[in-house]
Structures are given as C-alpha cells and as structure tokens.
Protein backbone atom coordinates (compact mmCIF):
# COMPACT_ATOMS: atom_id res chain seq x y z
CA MET A 1 153.24 3.73 48.54
CA ALA A 2 151.85 7.26 48.62
CA LEU A 3 152.85 9.74 51.30
CA SER A 4 150.33 10.24 54.09
CA ASN A 5 148.95 13.57 55.33
CA PHE A 6 151.38 13.70 58.27
CA GLU A 7 154.33 12.79 56.04
CA VAL A 8 153.41 15.59 53.61
CA TYR A 9 153.16 17.90 56.63
CA ALA A 10 156.69 16.98 57.75
CA LEU A 11 158.03 17.20 54.20
CA VAL A 12 156.64 20.68 53.58
CA LYS A 13 158.31 21.91 56.78
CA GLU A 14 161.67 20.99 55.22
CA LEU A 15 160.81 22.15 51.69
CA LYS A 16 160.06 25.65 52.97
CA ALA A 17 163.83 26.18 52.88
CA LEU A 18 163.36 26.56 49.10
CA GLU A 19 161.12 29.62 49.50
CA GLY A 20 162.72 32.66 47.88
CA ALA A 21 164.77 30.57 45.42
CA TYR A 22 164.21 30.66 41.67
CA VAL A 23 163.08 27.83 39.41
CA ASN A 24 165.93 27.21 36.98
CA ASN A 25 164.53 24.22 35.12
CA PHE A 26 161.61 21.79 34.78
CA GLN A 27 162.32 18.42 33.15
CA GLN A 28 160.88 14.93 32.85
CA ILE A 29 163.12 12.00 33.78
CA ASP A 30 160.69 9.08 33.45
CA LYS A 31 156.99 8.39 32.99
CA GLY A 32 155.19 10.36 35.68
CA ILE A 33 158.48 11.52 37.24
CA PHE A 34 159.81 15.07 36.94
CA LYS A 35 162.62 17.15 38.39
CA MET A 36 162.78 20.85 39.11
CA ARG A 37 165.98 22.76 39.61
CA ILE A 38 165.26 25.29 42.35
CA GLY A 39 168.18 27.47 43.36
CA GLY A 40 171.04 25.06 43.94
CA GLU A 41 168.77 22.09 44.70
CA THR A 42 167.11 19.43 42.55
CA LEU A 43 163.58 18.47 43.52
CA ILE A 44 162.17 15.10 42.46
CA VAL A 45 158.39 15.23 41.88
CA TRP A 46 156.93 11.73 41.59
CA PRO A 47 153.27 11.74 42.68
CA PRO A 48 151.83 9.99 44.56
CA GLU A 49 155.07 8.30 45.68
CA THR A 50 157.30 11.16 46.76
CA VAL A 51 158.46 14.75 46.48
CA HIS A 52 161.95 15.37 47.82
CA ILE A 53 165.27 17.12 47.34
CA THR A 54 167.78 14.70 45.86
CA ASN A 55 171.54 14.38 46.00
CA TYR A 56 171.57 12.03 43.03
CA SER A 57 171.90 12.92 39.35
CA TYR A 58 169.21 11.86 36.88
CA GLN A 59 169.25 12.07 33.10
CA ALA A 60 166.36 14.05 31.64
CA MET A 61 164.22 12.81 28.77
CA PRO A 62 164.01 14.84 25.56
CA PRO A 63 161.46 17.56 26.39
CA SER A 64 157.94 17.15 25.04
CA SER A 65 155.93 20.15 23.87
CA LEU A 66 153.90 20.04 27.11
CA VAL A 67 157.02 19.98 29.30
CA MET A 68 158.40 22.89 27.27
CA HIS A 69 155.15 24.77 27.89
CA VAL A 70 155.42 24.26 31.67
CA LYS A 71 159.10 25.18 31.60
CA LYS A 72 158.26 28.44 29.84
CA GLN A 73 155.78 29.38 32.58
CA VAL A 74 157.93 28.50 35.60
CA LYS A 75 161.57 29.00 34.64
CA GLY A 76 163.11 32.08 36.19
CA LYS A 77 160.20 32.54 38.59
CA ARG A 78 160.70 32.83 42.33
CA ILE A 79 159.16 30.32 44.74
CA GLU A 80 157.24 32.67 47.02
CA HIS A 81 155.46 30.13 49.18
CA ILE A 82 155.31 26.36 49.73
CA GLU A 83 152.38 24.99 51.71
CA GLN A 84 150.31 21.93 52.43
CA TYR A 85 146.67 22.54 51.59
CA LYS A 86 144.56 22.09 54.75
CA PHE A 87 146.63 19.15 56.01
CA ASP A 88 145.65 17.20 52.90
CA ARG A 89 147.98 15.26 50.62
CA VAL A 90 148.42 18.33 48.43
CA ILE A 91 151.58 20.46 48.09
CA VAL A 92 151.28 23.94 46.59
CA PHE A 93 154.24 25.88 45.16
CA SER A 94 153.20 29.53 44.62
CA LEU A 95 155.33 31.38 42.04
CA SER A 96 156.08 35.07 41.65
CA ASN A 97 154.13 35.30 38.35
CA GLY A 98 150.88 34.17 39.95
CA PHE A 99 151.12 30.58 38.73
CA LYS A 100 150.92 27.65 41.14
CA ILE A 101 152.36 24.16 40.84
CA VAL A 102 149.95 21.87 42.68
CA VAL A 103 151.15 18.34 43.46
CA GLU A 104 148.39 15.91 44.45
CA MET A 105 149.80 12.99 46.45
CA PHE A 106 146.68 10.80 46.55
CA SER A 107 145.06 8.23 44.24
CA ARG A 108 147.24 8.00 41.10
CA GLY A 109 148.85 11.34 41.83
CA ASN A 110 148.98 14.45 39.66
CA ILE A 111 150.87 17.66 38.92
CA ILE A 112 148.76 20.64 37.92
CA LEU A 113 149.95 24.02 36.72
CA VAL A 114 147.30 26.54 37.77
CA GLY A 115 147.30 29.96 36.13
CA PRO A 116 146.86 33.35 37.86
CA ASP A 117 143.16 33.13 36.90
CA GLY A 118 142.76 29.97 39.02
CA LYS A 119 142.24 27.77 35.96
CA THR A 120 144.16 24.64 34.98
CA ASP A 121 146.87 25.56 32.50
CA TRP A 122 148.44 22.08 32.31
CA ALA A 123 148.21 18.80 34.15
CA MET A 124 150.08 15.53 34.05
CA ARG A 125 146.68 13.82 34.06
CA TYR A 126 143.26 15.23 33.14
CA GLU A 127 140.42 13.83 35.22
CA THR A 128 136.74 14.36 36.02
CA TRP A 129 134.89 13.53 39.26
CA SER A 130 131.39 14.30 40.43
CA ASP A 131 132.58 17.29 42.46
CA ARG A 132 135.67 18.54 40.60
CA VAL A 133 137.33 18.53 37.21
CA ILE A 134 140.91 18.89 36.02
CA LYS A 135 140.74 20.05 32.42
CA PRO A 136 142.50 22.83 30.48
CA LYS A 137 140.97 26.28 31.05
CA LYS A 138 138.63 24.92 33.72
CA PRO A 139 138.74 26.32 37.28
CA TYR A 140 140.97 24.24 39.50
CA ASN A 141 139.31 23.21 42.76
CA TYR A 142 141.18 21.55 45.61
CA PRO A 143 139.88 18.17 46.82
CA MET A 144 137.30 18.52 49.57
CA THR A 145 136.98 16.55 52.79
CA THR A 146 134.48 16.59 55.64
CA ARG A 147 137.09 15.30 58.09
CA LEU A 148 138.72 17.63 60.60
CA ASN A 149 142.06 19.30 59.99
CA PRO A 150 144.08 18.14 63.06
CA ILE A 151 146.11 21.37 63.04
CA THR A 152 143.14 23.75 63.29
CA MET A 153 140.49 21.57 64.98
CA THR A 154 139.12 22.68 68.34
CA PHE A 155 138.33 20.37 71.23
CA ASP A 156 134.59 20.99 70.76
CA GLU A 157 134.87 19.79 67.15
CA PHE A 158 137.03 16.84 68.18
CA ASP A 159 134.63 15.85 70.96
CA LYS A 160 131.82 15.31 68.41
CA ILE A 161 133.57 12.75 66.18
CA PHE A 162 133.16 9.78 68.54
CA THR A 163 130.28 8.10 66.76
CA GLN A 164 131.81 4.70 65.99
CA LYS A 165 132.02 1.58 68.16
CA ASP A 166 135.70 2.06 68.95
CA ILE A 167 138.15 4.96 69.27
CA ILE A 168 140.29 4.28 66.20
CA ARG A 169 137.29 4.07 63.85
CA SER A 170 135.98 7.38 65.16
CA LEU A 171 139.40 8.98 64.70
CA VAL A 172 139.87 7.65 61.16
CA LYS A 173 136.39 8.73 60.12
CA GLY A 174 136.55 12.11 61.84
CA ILE A 175 140.13 13.38 61.37
CA ASN A 176 141.99 13.92 58.09
CA MET A 177 145.03 11.91 59.19
CA SER A 178 146.22 8.44 58.22
CA PRO A 179 145.23 5.45 60.42
CA ALA A 180 148.89 4.51 61.02
CA TYR A 181 149.70 7.82 62.70
CA LEU A 182 146.40 7.95 64.59
CA GLU A 183 147.24 4.52 66.01
CA GLU A 184 150.68 5.86 66.91
CA VAL A 185 149.11 8.74 68.85
CA CYS A 186 146.88 6.29 70.75
CA ALA A 187 149.88 4.15 71.64
CA ARG A 188 151.87 7.17 72.83
CA ALA A 189 148.91 8.29 74.94
CA GLY A 190 148.56 4.81 76.46
CA ILE A 191 145.02 4.56 75.08
CA ASP A 192 143.54 1.31 73.78
CA LYS A 193 142.54 2.15 70.23
CA ASN A 194 139.85 -0.58 70.31
CA ALA A 195 138.17 0.74 73.46
CA SER A 196 134.71 2.27 73.11
CA ASP A 197 135.79 5.57 74.68
CA CYS A 198 138.61 7.30 76.57
CA ASP A 199 139.62 10.57 78.16
CA ARG A 200 139.05 12.65 75.03
CA LYS A 201 140.84 15.71 76.39
CA ILE A 202 144.04 13.72 76.89
CA LEU A 203 143.79 12.22 73.40
CA PHE A 204 143.12 15.64 71.84
CA GLU A 205 146.16 17.13 73.56
CA LYS A 206 148.30 14.13 72.55
CA ILE A 207 147.39 14.66 68.87
CA LYS A 208 148.36 18.33 69.09
CA GLU A 209 151.57 17.41 70.92
CA PHE A 210 152.42 14.79 68.28
CA LEU A 211 151.97 17.30 65.44
CA ASN A 212 154.22 19.83 67.19
CA SER A 213 156.87 17.34 68.30
CA GLU A 214 160.42 17.53 67.03
CA MET A 215 160.84 15.36 63.95
CA GLN A 216 163.09 12.32 64.18
CA PRO A 217 163.31 11.24 60.53
CA GLY A 218 164.54 7.91 59.32
CA ILE A 219 163.65 4.70 57.52
CA GLN A 220 161.53 2.18 59.41
CA GLY A 221 160.41 -0.22 56.72
CA LYS A 222 159.58 2.97 54.78
CA PRO A 223 160.58 6.62 55.20
CA VAL A 224 159.05 8.11 58.36
CA PRO A 225 159.36 11.64 59.78
CA ILE A 226 159.43 10.34 63.33
CA LYS A 227 160.34 7.02 64.98
CA LEU A 228 157.18 4.96 65.49
CA ILE A 229 156.65 2.74 68.52
CA THR A 230 153.85 0.94 66.64
CA ARG A 231 156.12 -0.35 63.86
CA LYS A 232 158.15 -3.56 64.29
CA GLU A 233 160.77 -2.71 61.66
CA PRO A 234 164.17 -1.45 62.87
CA PHE A 235 164.60 2.33 62.75
CA VAL A 236 167.52 3.78 60.77
CA PRO A 237 167.89 7.50 61.57
CA LYS A 238 168.54 10.06 58.83
CA ASP A 239 169.52 13.72 58.91
CA SER A 240 166.22 14.78 57.34
CA PHE A 241 162.97 13.36 56.01
CA ASN A 242 164.15 14.45 52.55
CA GLN A 243 167.26 12.31 52.95
CA ALA A 244 165.16 9.31 54.02
CA LEU A 245 162.95 9.72 50.95
CA ASP A 246 165.93 10.29 48.66
CA GLU A 247 167.71 7.11 49.76
CA PHE A 248 164.57 4.97 49.79
CA TYR A 249 163.38 6.15 46.38
CA PHE A 250 166.77 6.29 44.65
CA LEU A 251 165.28 5.81 41.20
CA PRO A 252 167.71 3.30 39.63
CA GLU A 253 166.84 1.11 42.63
CA ARG A 254 163.16 2.02 42.87
CA LYS A 255 162.13 -1.44 41.62
CA GLU A 256 163.91 -2.95 44.63
CA ALA A 257 162.16 -0.47 46.93
CA HIS A 258 158.87 -1.18 45.20
CA ASP A 259 159.44 -4.92 45.62
CA ARG A 260 160.16 -4.41 49.33
CA THR A 261 156.91 -2.53 49.64
CA LEU A 262 154.97 -5.21 47.76
CA GLU A 263 156.53 -7.93 49.93
CA HIS A 264 155.48 -6.04 53.07
CA ILE A 265 151.94 -5.61 51.73
CA LEU A 266 151.80 -9.29 50.69
CA ASN A 267 152.87 -10.43 54.17
CA GLU A 268 150.21 -8.20 55.75
CA GLN A 269 147.58 -9.60 53.40
CA LYS A 270 148.62 -13.19 54.19
CA SER A 271 148.33 -12.46 57.89
CA ALA A 272 144.92 -10.84 57.38
CA LEU A 273 143.81 -13.86 55.31
CA GLU A 274 144.85 -16.27 58.06
CA ASN A 275 142.96 -14.20 60.62
CA MET A 276 139.93 -14.19 58.32
CA LYS A 277 140.09 -17.97 57.93
CA GLU A 278 140.23 -18.40 61.70
CA GLU A 279 137.29 -16.05 62.15
CA MET A 280 135.29 -17.90 59.46
CA GLU A 281 136.00 -21.23 61.15
CA ARG A 282 134.98 -19.82 64.52
CA SER A 283 131.79 -18.36 63.00
CA LYS A 284 131.01 -21.69 61.32
CA LYS A 285 131.34 -23.53 64.62
CA ILE A 286 129.01 -21.03 66.29
CA GLY A 287 126.53 -21.37 63.42
CA ASP A 288 126.62 -25.17 63.62
CA LYS A 289 126.07 -25.04 67.38
CA ILE A 290 123.10 -22.67 66.98
CA TYR A 291 121.57 -24.93 64.32
CA GLU A 292 122.08 -27.98 66.56
CA HIS A 293 120.14 -26.34 69.40
CA MET A 294 117.64 -24.40 67.30
CA ASN A 295 114.53 -25.89 68.96
CA GLU A 296 115.82 -25.32 72.49
CA LEU A 297 116.79 -21.72 71.63
CA GLN A 298 113.36 -21.00 70.14
CA LEU A 299 111.66 -22.33 73.29
CA LEU A 300 114.02 -20.26 75.45
CA PHE A 301 113.20 -17.01 73.62
CA GLU A 302 109.50 -17.77 73.81
CA LYS A 303 109.89 -18.31 77.57
CA ILE A 304 111.75 -14.99 77.93
CA ASN A 305 108.98 -13.14 76.05
CA GLU A 306 106.30 -14.74 78.27
CA MET A 307 108.17 -13.75 81.43
CA ARG A 308 108.56 -10.17 80.21
CA LYS A 309 104.84 -9.96 79.39
CA GLU A 310 104.16 -11.04 82.95
CA GLY A 311 106.21 -8.02 84.12
CA MET A 312 109.23 -9.95 85.32
CA GLU A 313 112.48 -7.89 85.55
CA TRP A 314 115.54 -8.82 83.53
CA ASP A 315 117.68 -9.73 86.54
CA ARG A 316 115.06 -12.17 87.80
CA ILE A 317 114.75 -13.78 84.36
CA GLU A 318 118.54 -14.24 84.39
CA ARG A 319 118.39 -16.02 87.77
CA VAL A 320 115.45 -18.25 86.85
CA LEU A 321 116.82 -19.32 83.47
CA ASN A 322 120.52 -19.22 84.43
CA ILE A 323 121.50 -17.00 81.50
CA LYS A 324 123.03 -13.55 81.00
CA ILE A 325 120.98 -10.78 79.38
CA ASN A 326 122.04 -7.31 78.23
CA PRO A 327 118.79 -5.29 78.42
CA LYS A 328 120.35 -2.35 76.56
CA ASP A 329 120.81 -4.15 73.24
CA LYS A 330 118.57 -7.16 74.13
CA THR A 331 121.28 -9.78 73.65
CA VAL A 332 121.36 -13.10 75.46
CA GLU A 333 124.54 -14.93 76.46
CA ILE A 334 124.13 -18.72 76.73
CA ASP A 335 126.70 -21.38 77.55
CA MET A 336 126.27 -24.10 74.88
CA SER A 337 129.58 -25.89 75.49
C-alpha cells in the first residue's frame, strides 16, 4: 500500500524537522527495509510502503558490502534539505557532501544514492525504462509526468484539463494527485465528481485550500494526514502523520497490517465484481431486447433517414414517431418495455 502524492507531501512537512541533523548510521533491518539514525531520531525507509520516524527498536542485519558503501558516503554528513520532488512520490534528502538519498515511493519502490556528479552511486534496485535508467555511474533522472503539479498549477492550466466525460476523470488525468484525495476535494466542495462540468474556479480554489489546510493525522483504515469525509472507516486521531505510519507499520506486526490491507482490497474487488455482474446482466437484457426487435428498429432508422432527407426537423420527427432524439450525438431513445 504505497504512499500517495498528498501523503508524501504531508510526510515531508514533518520530516523537515530533521534538516540540520547529522546522519549517524545507515543499516538494513530486513529485505528492502532500512533504517537511518539521524540526530536523535531513527528513520524507517521502506519503499514504496512508508518512510517515517519510529519510536520502536529494530535489530539490524549484518551489513553487506553495499550497505557498508552507502554508510561510508552518508555517515557523519548533515541533512541540508528534505523535499518532495515536484509533488511526486519521490523524497530527496540532500547531504552536506553533495550526495543525495532519493527514495522513490512508486511501483516497487527504490532507494538511490546519487553522487555530487548527478550519477547513480548505488541503488537498492537497478532498473531500465524507455525514458530513464538507474544503473551505476549513469546519470540519475527523476521520473517525468505530464500531469499538473497541484501546488504550482495556475487556474489557466487547470481550466484546460477538462477533456474527459466527467470531472473526476479529467482531474485524475490532468493533476498529479491520487484519485482518493481528488474525490475528497470534490466532496468537500459539494461537487458531483461524476458530473460533466462544474464551477471550475471554485474547484481550483478548493484544491489549493485542501493542500494548505491544517493536517489532522490519524488512522482511517490506513494512515491518513487528514480526516476524510469520503472514507467509511472510523477515524483514530494521532499526534502526527509519522506516528500514524509508525503504529500502522510496526514491523513485527506488518503481516497483520498487510493482511488488513489485502482484506480491504479483496472486499473492494468483490464489490466491483458484483457491480460488474449486474452491469453485464443489464447489458445482456438490453442486447436480447435489441435482437428481438431488430427488424422494427431497422425499419425505424430507415424511416428517420427518409424524413431527414425530406428536410424534416428533429423535433417534428420526434413527434411523428413518438421517440426521443439527441441531434448532437445522433442517439435515439426508444421505449421497448
């Protein structure tokens, strides 16, 4: 259950308290899970699941040669800056020696140590895509997106994204923000996410307001930085988003948390399957009805075409044939009950 863009955004706000502290250690505690001792805090780094300050104690594995290499580069270095890259699911820790620890919180997740020359020095996972590569001594490039950054987007940019048949699809396609939080913004704005359009200025301002709102962290089925009116699960408030993540992902119990997540996903999939079955049954009934009246429908369409060729207007055709016609998309509504 990877963190979303907005959750990374909220997390980085809290992690910035570590800026100015020194990295005292870098260790591995499990496959794909690391911990960094920064000042007096211990940071769990488990991409794509979580990055958070923990109050629990975890036993480190015997260090591998690669972990020792990373430790050599980062130990004793000051954390100068912690940022989220362009509202993406990427956290960047900039160190005083020019190195950067880049944590990618998408797909399978990754940790990349980038040297002062901008090239990959080490990575938890080496990968190659059509537009970027993570390999030793190769330039590290951040993931690219064509979607708008909700923090920096202007209204003129926002106004151009409404190209889909409903609001939520346009938002998801146009803005680099998870569907769950975009739906939350719609709900808070009192806007029907399935409507074809809305007052875009109000929605734009509501997104900006949501991003700048005071965080209200807790656990609501999963860790959330703010209480969501669109989620049915009870909300359990926490002192910080870090605390919510720490308690939810307490590693000795992470299988239980993982099972809770899988159960939630399974229930959602079962519900979606039932809805799909109902839709298939409805579509089958419509198809059977069309097949049953195929000859009458063919004669009707031929009659409509003849009337149009004679110059008859759509509204008159509707009255004569007792049907409803949408001239814009040339659809015909017929009562076949």
